Each structure stands twice: as C-alpha cells, then as structure tokens.
C-alpha cells in the first residue's frame, strides 16, 4: 500500500511541473494507477444527480412558479395548498408573484 502512495505523489509532482504532453501523460498514468477502476465509479456517481433531475422533470411537470409565469394563478394557489397541506399560503404566493414581477 505505501508504494501506491509514493506512485501517486510522483504522478502529482510530474503533473505539477509538466512541460510537455509526454510528461502530462506519464503523470496521469502514475496518478490513475492503470489497473484500477476507481475513475469509472467516480464517473458513474457523477451522473447520478443528472439522472435524478431528468426523472424529476418528467414526474413534476408543473410548479407553482411555472403556473404563475403562464398566468394561471388559481392553479398555482391550488398546487401550493397541495404541497403545504394547508390553506395558509397567501404570503408565499405573494412572494412568488413579486419574484416573477421583479424578473
């Protein structure tokens, strides 16, 4: 295990003082330790938020903001009531309308 640490530091140093493409490639090879698959795990996990946002946009088509932007105030109020589970939404609704008018 300590040898991997030394190889990593060597790769970091080469990348830090790179002067040409060959040095960059050698440094990246030392940093990545050719046999590992860690980069694949990191790249796969980096895609998770985009998948969640894409699926969420398919499920939640309309928001109170989108209703207000299109002029559907009744629908916006109904959605706010549904989200909060209460009829006391006037303050938040006014905040949304003011934010829309300011933009």
PDB file of N, CA and C in Angstrom:
ATOM      1  N   UNK A   1       0.798  -1.204   0.000  1.00  0.00           N
ATOM      2  CA  UNK A   1       0.000   0.000   0.000  1.00  0.00           C
ATOM      3  C   UNK A   1       0.844   1.275   0.000  1.00  0.00           C
ATOM      4  N   UNK A   2       1.906   1.352   0.801  1.00  0.00           N
ATOM      5  CA  UNK A   2       2.695   2.587   0.781  1.00  0.00           C
ATOM      6  C   UNK A   2       3.270   2.881  -0.591  1.00  0.00           C
ATOM      7  N   UNK A   3       3.564   1.833  -1.366  1.00  0.00           N
ATOM      8  CA  UNK A   3       4.137   2.075  -2.696  1.00  0.00           C
ATOM      9  C   UNK A   3       3.146   2.819  -3.588  1.00  0.00           C
ATOM     10  N   UNK A   4       1.859   2.549  -3.434  1.00  0.00           N
ATOM     11  CA  UNK A   4       0.861   3.264  -4.222  1.00  0.00           C
ATOM     12  C   UNK A   4       0.842   4.741  -3.843  1.00  0.00           C
ATOM     13  N   UNK A   5       1.064   5.015  -2.578  1.00  0.00           N
ATOM     14  CA  UNK A   5       1.119   6.404  -2.134  1.00  0.00           C
ATOM     15  C   UNK A   5       2.280   7.140  -2.766  1.00  0.00           C
ATOM     16  N   UNK A   6       3.430   6.467  -2.837  1.00  0.00           N
ATOM     17  CA  UNK A   6       4.593   7.094  -3.460  1.00  0.00           C
ATOM     18  C   UNK A   6       4.376   7.312  -4.955  1.00  0.00           C
ATOM     19  N   UNK A   7       3.739   6.336  -5.605  1.00  0.00           N
ATOM     20  CA  UNK A   7       3.455   6.464  -7.030  1.00  0.00           C
ATOM     21  C   UNK A   7       2.494   7.630  -7.257  1.00  0.00           C
ATOM     22  N   UNK A   8       1.498   7.774  -6.381  1.00  0.00           N
ATOM     23  CA  UNK A   8       0.545   8.877  -6.500  1.00  0.00           C
ATOM     24  C   UNK A   8       1.246  10.223  -6.348  1.00  0.00           C
ATOM     25  N   UNK A   9       2.113  10.338  -5.346  1.00  0.00           N
ATOM     26  CA  UNK A   9       2.839  11.595  -5.133  1.00  0.00           C
ATOM     27  C   UNK A   9       3.733  11.896  -6.327  1.00  0.00           C
ATOM     28  N   UNK A  10       4.394  10.866  -6.858  1.00  0.00           N
ATOM     29  CA  UNK A  10       5.252  11.071  -8.027  1.00  0.00           C
ATOM     30  C   UNK A  10       4.427  11.575  -9.210  1.00  0.00           C
ATOM     31  N   UNK A  11       3.252  10.991  -9.415  1.00  0.00           N
ATOM     32  CA  UNK A  11       2.378  11.435 -10.504  1.00  0.00           C
ATOM     33  C   UNK A  11       1.897  12.860 -10.296  1.00  0.00           C
ATOM     34  N   UNK A  12       1.592  13.206  -9.051  1.00  0.00           N
ATOM     35  CA  UNK A  12       1.154  14.570  -8.750  1.00  0.00           C
ATOM     36  C   UNK A  12       2.274  15.561  -9.007  1.00  0.00           C
ATOM     37  N   UNK A  13       3.491  15.207  -8.628  1.00  0.00           N
ATOM     38  CA  UNK A  13       4.633  16.098  -8.871  1.00  0.00           C
ATOM     39  C   UNK A  13       4.891  16.279 -10.360  1.00  0.00           C
ATOM     40  N   UNK A  14       4.833  15.184 -11.114  1.00  0.00           N
ATOM     41  CA  UNK A  14       5.036  15.284 -12.567  1.00  0.00           C
ATOM     42  C   UNK A  14       3.963  16.179 -13.168  1.00  0.00           C
ATOM     43  N   UNK A  15       2.688  16.009 -12.752  1.00  0.00           N
ATOM     44  CA  UNK A  15       1.610  16.857 -13.278  1.00  0.00           C
ATOM     45  C   UNK A  15       1.777  18.306 -12.851  1.00  0.00           C
ATOM     46  N   UNK A  16       2.328  18.535 -11.678  1.00  0.00           N
ATOM     47  CA  UNK A  16       2.510  19.899 -11.194  1.00  0.00           C
ATOM     48  C   UNK A  16       3.569  20.671 -11.962  1.00  0.00           C
ATOM     49  N   UNK A  17       4.540  19.965 -12.491  1.00  0.00           N
ATOM     50  CA  UNK A  17       5.636  20.636 -13.202  1.00  0.00           C
ATOM     51  C   UNK A  17       5.703  20.213 -14.666  1.00  0.00           C
ATOM     52  N   UNK A  18       4.562  19.907 -15.236  1.00  0.00           N
ATOM     53  CA  UNK A  18       4.510  19.419 -16.609  1.00  0.00           C
ATOM     54  C   UNK A  18       4.999  20.500 -17.583  1.00  0.00           C
ATOM     55  N   UNK A  19       5.830  20.057 -18.516  1.00  0.00           N
ATOM     56  CA  UNK A  19       6.361  20.973 -19.525  1.00  0.00           C
ATOM     57  C   UNK A  19       5.949  20.561 -20.931  1.00  0.00           C
ATOM     58  N   UNK A  20       5.530  19.321 -21.096  1.00  0.00           N
ATOM     59  CA  UNK A  20       5.094  18.883 -22.420  1.00  0.00           C
ATOM     60  C   UNK A  20       4.030  17.795 -22.259  1.00  0.00           C
ATOM     61  N   UNK A  21       3.464  17.388 -23.353  1.00  0.00           N
ATOM     62  CA  UNK A  21       2.364  16.416 -23.336  1.00  0.00           C
ATOM     63  C   UNK A  21       2.809  15.064 -22.787  1.00  0.00           C
ATOM     64  N   UNK A  22       4.029  14.666 -23.104  1.00  0.00           N
ATOM     65  CA  UNK A  22       4.507  13.365 -22.640  1.00  0.00           C
ATOM     66  C   UNK A  22       4.563  13.311 -21.117  1.00  0.00           C
ATOM     67  N   UNK A  23       5.043  14.391 -20.513  1.00  0.00           N
ATOM     68  CA  UNK A  23       5.087  14.431 -19.041  1.00  0.00           C
ATOM     69  C   UNK A  23       3.674  14.379 -18.460  1.00  0.00           C
ATOM     70  N   UNK A  24       2.729  15.047 -19.107  1.00  0.00           N
ATOM     71  CA  UNK A  24       1.347  15.034 -18.639  1.00  0.00           C
ATOM     72  C   UNK A  24       0.778  13.622 -18.689  1.00  0.00           C
ATOM     73  N   UNK A  25       1.026  12.919 -19.783  1.00  0.00           N
ATOM     74  CA  UNK A  25       0.528  11.550 -19.926  1.00  0.00           C
ATOM     75  C   UNK A  25       1.148  10.641 -18.872  1.00  0.00           C
ATOM     76  N   UNK A  26       2.451  10.749 -18.654  1.00  0.00           N
ATOM     77  CA  UNK A  26       3.123   9.914 -17.646  1.00  0.00           C
ATOM     78  C   UNK A  26       2.562  10.215 -16.255  1.00  0.00           C
ATOM     79  N   UNK A  27       2.380  11.485 -15.950  1.00  0.00           N
ATOM     80  CA  UNK A  27       1.823  11.848 -14.651  1.00  0.00           C
ATOM     81  C   UNK A  27       0.415  11.308 -14.457  1.00  0.00           C
ATOM     82  N   UNK A  28      -0.412  11.383 -15.503  1.00  0.00           N
ATOM     83  CA  UNK A  28      -1.779  10.862 -15.395  1.00  0.00           C
ATOM     84  C   UNK A  28      -1.760   9.348 -15.205  1.00  0.00           C
ATOM     85  N   UNK A  29      -0.847   8.672 -15.888  1.00  0.00           N
ATOM     86  CA  UNK A  29      -0.750   7.218 -15.718  1.00  0.00           C
ATOM     87  C   UNK A  29      -0.369   6.887 -14.282  1.00  0.00           C
ATOM     88  N   UNK A  30       0.599   7.619 -13.727  1.00  0.00           N
ATOM     89  CA  UNK A  30       1.007   7.358 -12.346  1.00  0.00           C
ATOM     90  C   UNK A  30      -0.117   7.682 -11.360  1.00  0.00           C
ATOM     91  N   UNK A  31      -0.861   8.749 -11.624  1.00  0.00           N
ATOM     92  CA  UNK A  31      -1.953   9.118 -10.720  1.00  0.00           C
ATOM     93  C   UNK A  31      -3.095   8.113 -10.777  1.00  0.00           C
ATOM     94  N   UNK A  32      -3.373   7.607 -11.959  1.00  0.00           N
ATOM     95  CA  UNK A  32      -4.526   6.724 -12.116  1.00  0.00           C
ATOM     96  C   UNK A  32      -4.230   5.278 -11.785  1.00  0.00           C
ATOM     97  N   UNK A  33      -2.980   4.892 -11.681  1.00  0.00           N
ATOM     98  CA  UNK A  33      -2.609   3.510 -11.384  1.00  0.00           C
ATOM     99  C   UNK A  33      -3.366   2.576 -12.328  1.00  0.00           C
ATOM    100  N   UNK A  34      -2.906   2.468 -13.529  1.00  0.00           N
ATOM    101  CA  UNK A  34      -3.563   1.863 -14.694  1.00  0.00           C
ATOM    102  C   UNK A  34      -4.574   0.764 -14.380  1.00  0.00           C
ATOM    103  N   UNK A  35      -4.321  -0.103 -13.443  1.00  0.00           N
ATOM    104  CA  UNK A  35      -5.204  -1.232 -13.200  1.00  0.00           C
ATOM    105  C   UNK A  35      -6.478  -0.922 -12.433  1.00  0.00           C
ATOM    106  N   UNK A  36      -6.626   0.254 -11.863  1.00  0.00           N
ATOM    107  CA  UNK A  36      -7.801   0.499 -11.031  1.00  0.00           C
ATOM    108  C   UNK A  36      -9.005   0.904 -11.876  1.00  0.00           C
ATOM    109  N   UNK A  37     -10.161   0.736 -11.294  1.00  0.00           N
ATOM    110  CA  UNK A  37     -11.396   1.130 -11.951  1.00  0.00           C
ATOM    111  C   UNK A  37     -12.092   2.237 -11.159  1.00  0.00           C
ATOM    112  N   UNK A  38     -11.338   2.930 -10.312  1.00  0.00           N
ATOM    113  CA  UNK A  38     -11.922   3.985  -9.481  1.00  0.00           C
ATOM    114  C   UNK A  38     -12.515   5.103 -10.322  1.00  0.00           C
ATOM    115  N   UNK A  39     -11.894   5.425 -11.443  1.00  0.00           N
ATOM    116  CA  UNK A  39     -12.397   6.516 -12.270  1.00  0.00           C
ATOM    117  C   UNK A  39     -13.772   6.188 -12.817  1.00  0.00           C
ATOM    118  N   UNK A  40     -14.023   4.910 -13.062  1.00  0.00           N
ATOM    119  CA  UNK A  40     -15.341   4.513 -13.575  1.00  0.00           C
ATOM    120  C   UNK A  40     -16.407   4.700 -12.505  1.00  0.00           C
ATOM    121  N   UNK A  41     -16.066   4.374 -11.275  1.00  0.00           N
ATOM    122  CA  UNK A  41     -17.009   4.568 -10.173  1.00  0.00           C
ATOM    123  C   UNK A  41     -17.288   6.048  -9.981  1.00  0.00           C
ATOM    124  N   UNK A  42     -16.237   6.863  -9.988  1.00  0.00           N
ATOM    125  CA  UNK A  42     -16.409   8.305  -9.811  1.00  0.00           C
ATOM    126  C   UNK A  42     -17.247   8.899 -10.944  1.00  0.00           C
ATOM    127  N   UNK A  43     -16.974   8.481 -12.166  1.00  0.00           N
ATOM    128  CA  UNK A  43     -17.728   8.995 -13.306  1.00  0.00           C
ATOM    129  C   UNK A  43     -19.187   8.545 -13.238  1.00  0.00           C
ATOM    130  N   UNK A  44     -19.413   7.314 -12.820  1.00  0.00           N
ATOM    131  CA  UNK A  44     -20.788   6.828 -12.684  1.00  0.00           C
ATOM    132  C   UNK A  44     -21.554   7.578 -11.609  1.00  0.00           C
ATOM    133  N   UNK A  45     -20.901   7.840 -10.480  1.00  0.00           N
ATOM    134  CA  UNK A  45     -21.569   8.582  -9.409  1.00  0.00           C
ATOM    135  C   UNK A  45     -21.808  10.035  -9.788  1.00  0.00           C
ATOM    136  N   UNK A  46     -20.959  10.587 -10.633  1.00  0.00           N
ATOM    137  CA  UNK A  46     -21.152  11.976 -11.072  1.00  0.00           C
ATOM    138  C   UNK A  46     -22.396  12.108 -11.930  1.00  0.00           C
ATOM    139  N   UNK A  47     -22.833  11.040 -12.559  1.00  0.00           N
ATOM    140  CA  UNK A  47     -24.028  11.086 -13.401  1.00  0.00           C
ATOM    141  C   UNK A  47     -25.326  10.946 -12.637  1.00  0.00           C
ATOM    142  N   UNK A  48     -25.263  10.540 -11.373  1.00  0.00           N
ATOM    143  CA  UNK A  48     -26.477  10.316 -10.586  1.00  0.00           C
ATOM    144  C   UNK A  48     -27.330  11.579 -10.451  1.00  0.00           C
ATOM    145  N   UNK A  49     -26.771  12.742 -10.103  1.00  0.00           N
ATOM    146  CA  UNK A  49     -27.626  13.932  -9.979  1.00  0.00           C
ATOM    147  C   UNK A  49     -28.350  14.284 -11.277  1.00  0.00           C
ATOM    148  N   UNK A  50     -27.696  14.132 -12.411  1.00  0.00           N
ATOM    149  CA  UNK A  50     -28.358  14.465 -13.673  1.00  0.00           C
ATOM    150  C   UNK A  50     -29.508  13.505 -13.963  1.00  0.00           C
ATOM    151  N   UNK A  51     -29.353  12.245 -13.603  1.00  0.00           N
ATOM    152  CA  UNK A  51     -30.435  11.281 -13.792  1.00  0.00           C
ATOM    153  C   UNK A  51     -31.615  11.626 -12.888  1.00  0.00           C
ATOM    154  N   UNK A  52     -31.328  11.983 -11.641  1.00  0.00           N
ATOM    155  CA  UNK A  52     -32.396  12.351 -10.697  1.00  0.00           C
ATOM    156  C   UNK A  52     -33.152  13.577 -11.194  1.00  0.00           C
ATOM    157  N   UNK A  53     -32.426  14.588 -11.672  1.00  0.00           N
ATOM    158  CA  UNK A  53     -33.074  15.805 -12.173  1.00  0.00           C
ATOM    159  C   UNK A  53     -33.908  15.497 -13.413  1.00  0.00           C
ATOM    160  N   UNK A  54     -33.397  14.666 -14.310  1.00  0.00           N
ATOM    161  CA  UNK A  54     -34.146  14.316 -15.519  1.00  0.00           C
ATOM    162  C   UNK A  54     -35.427  13.578 -15.176  1.00  0.00           C
ATOM    163  N   UNK A  55     -35.336  12.585 -14.292  1.00  0.00           N
ATOM    164  CA  UNK A  55     -36.533  11.848 -13.901  1.00  0.00           C
ATOM    165  C   UNK A  55     -37.512  12.742 -13.145  1.00  0.00           C
ATOM    166  N   UNK A  56     -36.989  13.621 -12.314  1.00  0.00           N
ATOM    167  CA  UNK A  56     -37.850  14.546 -11.584  1.00  0.00           C
ATOM    168  C   UNK A  56     -38.590  15.491 -12.506  1.00  0.00           C
ATOM    169  N   UNK A  57     -37.940  15.911 -13.580  1.00  0.00           N
ATOM    170  CA  UNK A  57     -38.609  16.814 -14.522  1.00  0.00           C
ATOM    171  C   UNK A  57     -39.728  16.102 -15.278  1.00  0.00           C
ATOM    172  N   UNK A  58     -39.628  14.795 -15.409  1.00  0.00           N
ATOM    173  CA  UNK A  58     -40.703  14.042 -16.051  1.00  0.00           C
ATOM    174  C   UNK A  58     -41.878  13.835 -15.111  1.00  0.00           C
ATOM    175  N   UNK A  59     -41.594  13.704 -13.815  1.00  0.00           N
ATOM    176  CA  UNK A  59     -42.650  13.462 -12.826  1.00  0.00           C
ATOM    177  C   UNK A  59     -43.329  14.768 -12.419  1.00  0.00           C
ATOM    178  N   UNK A  60     -42.534  15.803 -12.170  1.00  0.00           N
ATOM    179  CA  UNK A  60     -43.056  17.093 -11.718  1.00  0.00           C
ATOM    180  C   UNK A  60     -43.051  18.062 -12.900  1.00  0.00           C
ATOM    181  N   UNK A  61     -44.095  17.978 -13.717  1.00  0.00           N
ATOM    182  CA  UNK A  61     -44.134  18.785 -14.929  1.00  0.00           C
ATOM    183  C   UNK A  61     -44.371  20.262 -14.638  1.00  0.00           C
ATOM    184  N   UNK A  62     -45.236  20.551 -13.684  1.00  0.00           N
ATOM    185  CA  UNK A  62     -45.571  21.936 -13.386  1.00  0.00           C
ATOM    186  C   UNK A  62     -45.242  22.262 -11.942  1.00  0.00           C
ATOM    187  N   UNK A  63     -44.853  23.510 -11.725  1.00  0.00           N
ATOM    188  CA  UNK A  63     -44.569  24.014 -10.386  1.00  0.00           C
ATOM    189  C   UNK A  63     -45.397  25.272 -10.181  1.00  0.00           C
ATOM    190  N   UNK A  64     -45.539  25.722  -8.944  1.00  0.00           N
ATOM    191  CA  UNK A  64     -46.251  26.981  -8.731  1.00  0.00           C
ATOM    192  C   UNK A  64     -45.630  28.131  -9.533  1.00  0.00           C
ATOM    193  N   UNK A  65     -44.302  28.154  -9.629  1.00  0.00           N
ATOM    194  CA  UNK A  65     -43.639  29.199 -10.423  1.00  0.00           C
ATOM    195  C   UNK A  65     -44.029  29.126 -11.890  1.00  0.00           C
ATOM    196  N   UNK A  66     -44.074  27.925 -12.440  1.00  0.00           N
ATOM    197  CA  UNK A  66     -44.422  27.806 -13.863  1.00  0.00           C
ATOM    198  C   UNK A  66     -45.866  28.224 -14.108  1.00  0.00           C
ATOM    199  N   UNK A  67     -46.754  27.921 -13.176  1.00  0.00           N
ATOM    200  CA  UNK A  67     -48.142  28.363 -13.322  1.00  0.00           C
ATOM    201  C   UNK A  67     -48.236  29.889 -13.282  1.00  0.00           C
ATOM    202  N   UNK A  68     -47.510  30.511 -12.364  1.00  0.00           N
ATOM    203  CA  UNK A  68     -47.535  31.974 -12.252  1.00  0.00           C
ATOM    204  C   UNK A  68     -46.950  32.601 -13.516  1.00  0.00           C
ATOM    205  N   UNK A  69     -45.885  32.031 -14.040  1.00  0.00           N
ATOM    206  CA  UNK A  69     -45.275  32.555 -15.265  1.00  0.00           C
ATOM    207  C   UNK A  69     -46.246  32.528 -16.442  1.00  0.00           C
ATOM    208  N   UNK A  70     -47.130  31.536 -16.463  1.00  0.00           N
ATOM    209  CA  UNK A  70     -48.100  31.427 -17.557  1.00  0.00           C
ATOM    210  C   UNK A  70     -49.423  32.126 -17.250  1.00  0.00           C
ATOM    211  N   UNK A  71     -49.528  32.710 -16.050  1.00  0.00           N
ATOM    212  CA  UNK A  71     -50.740  33.453 -15.705  1.00  0.00           C
ATOM    213  C   UNK A  71     -51.843  32.619 -15.084  1.00  0.00           C
ATOM    214  N   UNK A  72     -51.566  31.394 -14.690  1.00  0.00           N
ATOM    215  CA  UNK A  72     -52.564  30.514 -14.071  1.00  0.00           C
ATOM    216  C   UNK A  72     -52.466  30.616 -12.554  1.00  0.00           C
ATOM    217  N   UNK A  73     -52.993  31.697 -11.997  1.00  0.00           N
ATOM    218  CA  UNK A  73     -52.836  31.928 -10.555  1.00  0.00           C
ATOM    219  C   UNK A  73     -53.657  30.961  -9.720  1.00  0.00           C
ATOM    220  N   UNK A  74     -54.835  30.576 -10.191  1.00  0.00           N
ATOM    221  CA  UNK A  74     -55.671  29.633  -9.426  1.00  0.00           C
ATOM    222  C   UNK A  74     -54.964  28.285  -9.294  1.00  0.00           C
ATOM    223  N   UNK A  75     -54.382  27.834 -10.389  1.00  0.00           N
ATOM    224  CA  UNK A  75     -53.671  26.552 -10.362  1.00  0.00           C
ATOM    225  C   UNK A  75     -52.437  26.629  -9.456  1.00  0.00           C
ATOM    226  N   UNK A  76     -51.763  27.781  -9.469  1.00  0.00           N
ATOM    227  CA  UNK A  76     -50.590  27.965  -8.614  1.00  0.00           C
ATOM    228  C   UNK A  76     -50.979  27.893  -7.144  1.00  0.00           C
ATOM    229  N   UNK A  77     -52.083  28.559  -6.792  1.00  0.00           N
ATOM    230  CA  UNK A  77     -52.553  28.503  -5.401  1.00  0.00           C
ATOM    231  C   UNK A  77     -52.961  27.089  -5.018  1.00  0.00           C
ATOM    232  N   UNK A  78     -53.646  26.398  -5.912  1.00  0.00           N
ATOM    233  CA  UNK A  78     -54.060  25.021  -5.620  1.00  0.00           C
ATOM    234  C   UNK A  78     -52.853  24.125  -5.397  1.00  0.00           C
ATOM    235  N   UNK A  79     -51.814  24.303  -6.203  1.00  0.00           N
ATOM    236  CA  UNK A  79     -50.621  23.478  -6.038  1.00  0.00           C
ATOM    237  C   UNK A  79     -49.914  23.797  -4.726  1.00  0.00           C
ATOM    238  N   UNK A  80     -49.832  25.073  -4.369  1.00  0.00           N
ATOM    239  CA  UNK A  80     -49.222  25.439  -3.087  1.00  0.00           C
ATOM    240  C   UNK A  80     -49.990  24.830  -1.926  1.00  0.00           C
ATOM    241  N   UNK A  81     -51.316  24.850  -2.007  1.00  0.00           N
ATOM    242  CA  UNK A  81     -52.134  24.229  -0.947  1.00  0.00           C
ATOM    243  C   UNK A  81     -51.865  22.734  -0.863  1.00  0.00           C
ATOM    244  N   UNK A  82     -51.713  22.101  -2.027  1.00  0.00           N
ATOM    245  CA  UNK A  82     -51.444  20.661  -2.062  1.00  0.00           C
ATOM    246  C   UNK A  82     -50.061  20.354  -1.482  1.00  0.00           C
ATOM    247  N   UNK A  83     -49.075  21.173  -1.831  1.00  0.00           N
ATOM    248  CA  UNK A  83     -47.714  20.948  -1.345  1.00  0.00           C
ATOM    249  C   UNK A  83     -47.625  21.117   0.162  1.00  0.00           C
ATOM    250  N   UNK A  84     -48.220  22.194   0.680  1.00  0.00           N
ATOM    251  CA  UNK A  84     -48.104  22.507   2.107  1.00  0.00           C
ATOM    252  C   UNK A  84     -49.175  21.835   2.957  1.00  0.00           C
ATOM    253  N   UNK A  85     -50.247  21.382   2.354  1.00  0.00           N
ATOM    254  CA  UNK A  85     -51.304  20.722   3.114  1.00  0.00           C
ATOM    255  C   UNK A  85     -52.083  21.672   4.000  1.00  0.00           C
ATOM    256  N   UNK A  86     -52.101  22.949   3.653  1.00  0.00           N
ATOM    257  CA  UNK A  86     -52.826  23.948   4.431  1.00  0.00           C
ATOM    258  C   UNK A  86     -53.346  25.030   3.493  1.00  0.00           C
ATOM    259  N   UNK A  87     -54.314  25.792   3.971  1.00  0.00           N
ATOM    260  CA  UNK A  87     -54.858  26.879   3.157  1.00  0.00           C
ATOM    261  C   UNK A  87     -54.117  28.196   3.374  1.00  0.00           C
ATOM    262  N   UNK A  88     -53.174  28.222   4.300  1.00  0.00           N
ATOM    263  CA  UNK A  88     -52.446  29.438   4.632  1.00  0.00           C
ATOM    264  C   UNK A  88     -51.210  29.571   3.737  1.00  0.00           C
ATOM    265  N   UNK A  89     -51.451  29.957   2.473  1.00  0.00           N
ATOM    266  CA  UNK A  89     -50.350  30.033   1.501  1.00  0.00           C
ATOM    267  C   UNK A  89     -50.235  31.424   0.881  1.00  0.00           C
ATOM    268  N   UNK A  90     -51.038  32.369   1.329  1.00  0.00           N
ATOM    269  CA  UNK A  90     -51.074  33.686   0.691  1.00  0.00           C
ATOM    270  C   UNK A  90     -49.731  34.400   0.722  1.00  0.00           C
ATOM    271  N   UNK A  91     -49.017  34.309   1.839  1.00  0.00           N
ATOM    272  CA  UNK A  91     -47.731  35.003   1.951  1.00  0.00           C
ATOM    273  C   UNK A  91     -46.721  34.449   0.948  1.00  0.00           C
ATOM    274  N   UNK A  92     -46.638  33.126   0.870  1.00  0.00           N
ATOM    275  CA  UNK A  92     -45.707  32.513  -0.078  1.00  0.00           C
ATOM    276  C   UNK A  92     -46.133  32.809  -1.514  1.00  0.00           C
ATOM    277  N   UNK A  93     -47.435  32.768  -1.776  1.00  0.00           N
ATOM    278  CA  UNK A  93     -47.930  33.066  -3.111  1.00  0.00           C
ATOM    279  C   UNK A  93     -47.546  34.491  -3.529  1.00  0.00           C
ATOM    280  N   UNK A  94     -47.721  35.428  -2.608  1.00  0.00           N
ATOM    281  CA  UNK A  94     -47.344  36.816  -2.914  1.00  0.00           C
ATOM    282  C   UNK A  94     -45.839  36.942  -3.158  1.00  0.00           C
ATOM    283  N   UNK A  95     -45.042  36.202  -2.404  1.00  0.00           N
ATOM    284  CA  UNK A  95     -43.591  36.207  -2.627  1.00  0.00           C
ATOM    285  C   UNK A  95     -43.250  35.702  -4.031  1.00  0.00           C
ATOM    286  N   UNK A  96     -43.941  34.646  -4.462  1.00  0.00           N
ATOM    287  CA  UNK A  96     -43.701  34.104  -5.800  1.00  0.00           C
ATOM    288  C   UNK A  96     -44.110  35.099  -6.883  1.00  0.00           C
ATOM    289  N   UNK A  97     -45.258  35.748  -6.685  1.00  0.00           N
ATOM    290  CA  UNK A  97     -45.729  36.727  -7.669  1.00  0.00           C
ATOM    291  C   UNK A  97     -44.768  37.913  -7.733  1.00  0.00           C
ATOM    292  N   UNK A  98     -44.316  38.395  -6.577  1.00  0.00           N
ATOM    293  CA  UNK A  98     -43.361  39.515  -6.559  1.00  0.00           C
ATOM    294  C   UNK A  98     -42.040  39.143  -7.213  1.00  0.00           C
ATOM    295  N   UNK A  99     -41.585  37.919  -6.986  1.00  0.00           N
ATOM    296  CA  UNK A  99     -40.341  37.482  -7.608  1.00  0.00           C
ATOM    297  C   UNK A  99     -40.499  37.386  -9.130  1.00  0.00           C
ATOM    298  N   UNK A 100     -41.669  36.931  -9.574  1.00  0.00           N
ATOM    299  CA  UNK A 100     -41.912  36.861 -11.011  1.00  0.00           C
ATOM    300  C   UNK A 100     -41.946  38.247 -11.628  1.00  0.00           C
ATOM    301  N   UNK A 101     -42.612  39.173 -10.955  1.00  0.00           N
ATOM    302  CA  UNK A 101     -42.711  40.530 -11.491  1.00  0.00           C
ATOM    303  C   UNK A 101     -41.355  41.234 -11.490  1.00  0.00           C
ATOM    304  N   UNK A 102     -40.507  40.912 -10.541  1.00  0.00           N
ATOM    305  CA  UNK A 102     -39.191  41.533 -10.475  1.00  0.00           C
ATOM    306  C   UNK A 102     -38.247  40.999 -11.559  1.00  0.00           C
ATOM    307  N   UNK A 103     -38.512  39.790 -12.031  1.00  0.00           N
ATOM    308  CA  UNK A 103     -37.598  39.199 -13.026  1.00  0.00           C
ATOM    309  C   UNK A 103     -37.929  39.585 -14.440  1.00  0.00           C
TER     310      UNK A 103
END
